[in-house]
N, C-alpha and C. Protein backbone atom coordinates (compact mmCIF):
# COMPACT_ATOMS: atom_id res chain seq x y z
N MET A 1 6.64 -11.40 -5.07
CA MET A 1 5.58 -10.47 -5.40
C MET A 1 4.33 -11.23 -5.84
N ARG A 2 4.52 -12.31 -6.59
CA ARG A 2 3.36 -13.08 -7.05
C ARG A 2 2.62 -13.71 -5.87
N LEU A 3 3.37 -14.21 -4.91
CA LEU A 3 2.74 -14.81 -3.74
C LEU A 3 1.93 -13.77 -2.99
N ILE A 4 2.48 -12.60 -2.82
CA ILE A 4 1.76 -11.54 -2.13
C ILE A 4 0.49 -11.17 -2.90
N ALA A 5 0.61 -11.06 -4.22
CA ALA A 5 -0.56 -10.74 -5.04
C ALA A 5 -1.61 -11.84 -4.95
N ALA A 6 -1.17 -13.09 -4.95
CA ALA A 6 -2.10 -14.22 -4.85
C ALA A 6 -2.81 -14.22 -3.50
N LEU A 7 -2.08 -13.88 -2.46
CA LEU A 7 -2.70 -13.83 -1.13
C LEU A 7 -3.63 -12.62 -0.99
N ALA A 8 -3.26 -11.51 -1.60
CA ALA A 8 -4.07 -10.30 -1.50
C ALA A 8 -5.34 -10.39 -2.35
N PHE A 9 -5.25 -11.07 -3.47
CA PHE A 9 -6.38 -11.17 -4.40
C PHE A 9 -6.64 -12.63 -4.77
N PRO A 10 -7.08 -13.43 -3.81
CA PRO A 10 -7.21 -14.87 -4.06
C PRO A 10 -8.26 -15.23 -5.11
N THR A 11 -9.22 -14.37 -5.34
CA THR A 11 -10.27 -14.69 -6.31
C THR A 11 -10.02 -14.10 -7.70
N ALA A 12 -8.96 -13.29 -7.82
CA ALA A 12 -8.65 -12.66 -9.11
C ALA A 12 -8.07 -13.70 -10.07
N ASP A 13 -8.39 -13.53 -11.34
CA ASP A 13 -7.84 -14.43 -12.34
C ASP A 13 -6.37 -14.06 -12.58
N TYR A 14 -5.67 -14.92 -13.31
CA TYR A 14 -4.23 -14.76 -13.53
C TYR A 14 -3.89 -13.42 -14.16
N GLU A 15 -4.60 -13.03 -15.21
CA GLU A 15 -4.30 -11.80 -15.92
C GLU A 15 -4.46 -10.58 -15.01
N SER A 16 -5.53 -10.57 -14.24
CA SER A 16 -5.78 -9.44 -13.33
C SER A 16 -4.71 -9.37 -12.26
N ARG A 17 -4.36 -10.51 -11.71
CA ARG A 17 -3.34 -10.55 -10.67
C ARG A 17 -1.98 -10.10 -11.21
N GLU A 18 -1.63 -10.52 -12.44
CA GLU A 18 -0.38 -10.09 -13.06
C GLU A 18 -0.37 -8.58 -13.28
N ALA A 19 -1.49 -8.05 -13.74
CA ALA A 19 -1.59 -6.60 -13.96
C ALA A 19 -1.41 -5.84 -12.66
N MET A 20 -2.05 -6.31 -11.59
CA MET A 20 -1.93 -5.65 -10.29
C MET A 20 -0.50 -5.76 -9.75
N ALA A 21 0.12 -6.92 -9.90
CA ALA A 21 1.50 -7.10 -9.43
C ALA A 21 2.47 -6.23 -10.23
N THR A 22 2.24 -6.12 -11.53
CA THR A 22 3.08 -5.27 -12.38
C THR A 22 2.95 -3.81 -11.97
N ASP A 23 1.72 -3.36 -11.75
CA ASP A 23 1.50 -1.97 -11.31
C ASP A 23 2.16 -1.71 -9.96
N ALA A 24 2.05 -2.65 -9.04
CA ALA A 24 2.66 -2.49 -7.72
C ALA A 24 4.18 -2.40 -7.82
N PHE A 25 4.77 -3.24 -8.68
CA PHE A 25 6.21 -3.21 -8.89
C PHE A 25 6.65 -1.86 -9.44
N LEU A 26 5.95 -1.37 -10.46
CA LEU A 26 6.33 -0.10 -11.07
C LEU A 26 6.15 1.06 -10.08
N ASP A 27 5.10 1.03 -9.29
CA ASP A 27 4.89 2.06 -8.28
C ASP A 27 6.00 2.04 -7.24
N ALA A 28 6.47 0.85 -6.89
CA ALA A 28 7.49 0.71 -5.86
C ALA A 28 8.86 1.20 -6.31
N LEU A 29 9.06 1.36 -7.61
CA LEU A 29 10.35 1.84 -8.10
C LEU A 29 10.68 3.23 -7.57
N GLY A 30 9.66 4.05 -7.37
CA GLY A 30 9.87 5.38 -6.83
C GLY A 30 10.58 6.34 -7.77
N ASP A 31 10.59 6.02 -9.05
CA ASP A 31 11.25 6.86 -10.05
C ASP A 31 10.27 7.07 -11.20
N THR A 32 9.71 8.27 -11.26
CA THR A 32 8.68 8.56 -12.25
C THR A 32 9.19 8.39 -13.68
N ASP A 33 10.42 8.82 -13.94
CA ASP A 33 10.98 8.70 -15.28
C ASP A 33 11.12 7.23 -15.68
N LEU A 34 11.67 6.44 -14.78
CA LEU A 34 11.82 5.00 -15.05
C LEU A 34 10.45 4.34 -15.20
N PHE A 35 9.52 4.72 -14.34
CA PHE A 35 8.15 4.20 -14.42
C PHE A 35 7.58 4.43 -15.81
N MET A 36 7.71 5.65 -16.31
CA MET A 36 7.15 6.00 -17.61
C MET A 36 7.86 5.27 -18.76
N ARG A 37 9.19 5.13 -18.66
CA ARG A 37 9.92 4.44 -19.72
C ARG A 37 9.54 2.96 -19.78
N ILE A 38 9.35 2.35 -18.62
CA ILE A 38 8.94 0.94 -18.60
C ILE A 38 7.50 0.82 -19.07
N ARG A 39 6.64 1.70 -18.60
CA ARG A 39 5.22 1.66 -18.98
C ARG A 39 5.06 1.86 -20.50
N ASP A 40 5.93 2.69 -21.10
CA ASP A 40 5.88 2.90 -22.55
C ASP A 40 6.12 1.61 -23.32
N ARG A 41 6.86 0.68 -22.74
CA ARG A 41 7.14 -0.60 -23.40
C ARG A 41 5.98 -1.59 -23.23
N GLN A 42 4.98 -1.21 -22.45
CA GLN A 42 3.73 -1.94 -22.24
C GLN A 42 3.90 -3.39 -21.78
N PRO A 43 4.59 -3.60 -20.66
CA PRO A 43 4.70 -4.97 -20.15
C PRO A 43 3.34 -5.43 -19.64
N THR A 44 2.99 -6.66 -19.95
CA THR A 44 1.69 -7.19 -19.54
C THR A 44 1.80 -8.13 -18.34
N ILE A 45 3.03 -8.58 -18.07
CA ILE A 45 3.23 -9.45 -16.91
C ILE A 45 4.42 -8.94 -16.10
N LEU A 46 4.47 -9.37 -14.87
CA LEU A 46 5.51 -8.93 -13.95
C LEU A 46 6.91 -9.26 -14.47
N ASP A 47 7.10 -10.44 -15.03
CA ASP A 47 8.42 -10.83 -15.54
C ASP A 47 8.90 -9.87 -16.63
N ALA A 48 8.00 -9.43 -17.48
CA ALA A 48 8.37 -8.51 -18.55
C ALA A 48 8.77 -7.15 -17.97
N ALA A 49 8.03 -6.67 -16.99
CA ALA A 49 8.36 -5.38 -16.36
C ALA A 49 9.72 -5.46 -15.67
N LEU A 50 9.97 -6.56 -14.99
CA LEU A 50 11.26 -6.74 -14.31
C LEU A 50 12.40 -6.81 -15.32
N ALA A 51 12.21 -7.53 -16.41
CA ALA A 51 13.26 -7.65 -17.43
C ALA A 51 13.58 -6.29 -18.04
N ILE A 52 12.55 -5.49 -18.30
CA ILE A 52 12.76 -4.16 -18.85
C ILE A 52 13.51 -3.28 -17.86
N ALA A 53 13.11 -3.33 -16.59
CA ALA A 53 13.76 -2.53 -15.56
C ALA A 53 15.24 -2.92 -15.42
N LEU A 54 15.53 -4.20 -15.44
CA LEU A 54 16.91 -4.65 -15.32
C LEU A 54 17.74 -4.22 -16.53
N GLN A 55 17.14 -4.31 -17.71
CA GLN A 55 17.84 -3.89 -18.93
C GLN A 55 18.15 -2.39 -18.87
N MET A 56 17.21 -1.60 -18.42
CA MET A 56 17.43 -0.16 -18.33
C MET A 56 18.47 0.18 -17.26
N GLU A 57 18.51 -0.60 -16.20
CA GLU A 57 19.52 -0.39 -15.17
C GLU A 57 20.92 -0.65 -15.73
N VAL A 58 21.08 -1.73 -16.49
CA VAL A 58 22.37 -2.04 -17.10
C VAL A 58 22.78 -0.94 -18.06
N TRP A 59 21.86 -0.49 -18.90
CA TRP A 59 22.16 0.58 -19.84
C TRP A 59 22.59 1.85 -19.10
N SER A 60 21.89 2.16 -18.02
CA SER A 60 22.19 3.35 -17.24
C SER A 60 23.59 3.25 -16.64
N LYS A 61 23.96 2.09 -16.12
CA LYS A 61 25.29 1.90 -15.55
C LYS A 61 26.36 1.97 -16.62
N ASN A 62 26.08 1.47 -17.83
CA ASN A 62 27.07 1.52 -18.92
C ASN A 62 27.29 2.95 -19.37
N ILE A 63 26.26 3.76 -19.37
CA ILE A 63 26.38 5.16 -19.78
C ILE A 63 27.19 5.94 -18.74
N GLN A 64 27.00 5.64 -17.47
CA GLN A 64 27.68 6.35 -16.40
C GLN A 64 29.15 5.97 -16.29
N SER A 65 29.52 4.83 -16.82
CA SER A 65 30.91 4.36 -16.70
C SER A 65 31.85 5.13 -17.59
């Protein structure tokens, strides 16, 4: 995702590119509830958004078991 963001926005600074990549990742989830729960935790970089999403996925699977 970072490579794609770097290629799409070659003149953007690191912070802007991270914000755009994070937004693209959250939009791609296709789950409004998950989007909002992750956004509420205010991730500022892609790695943080991914870590939150993975943590919530594990929690969701543990609850369903």
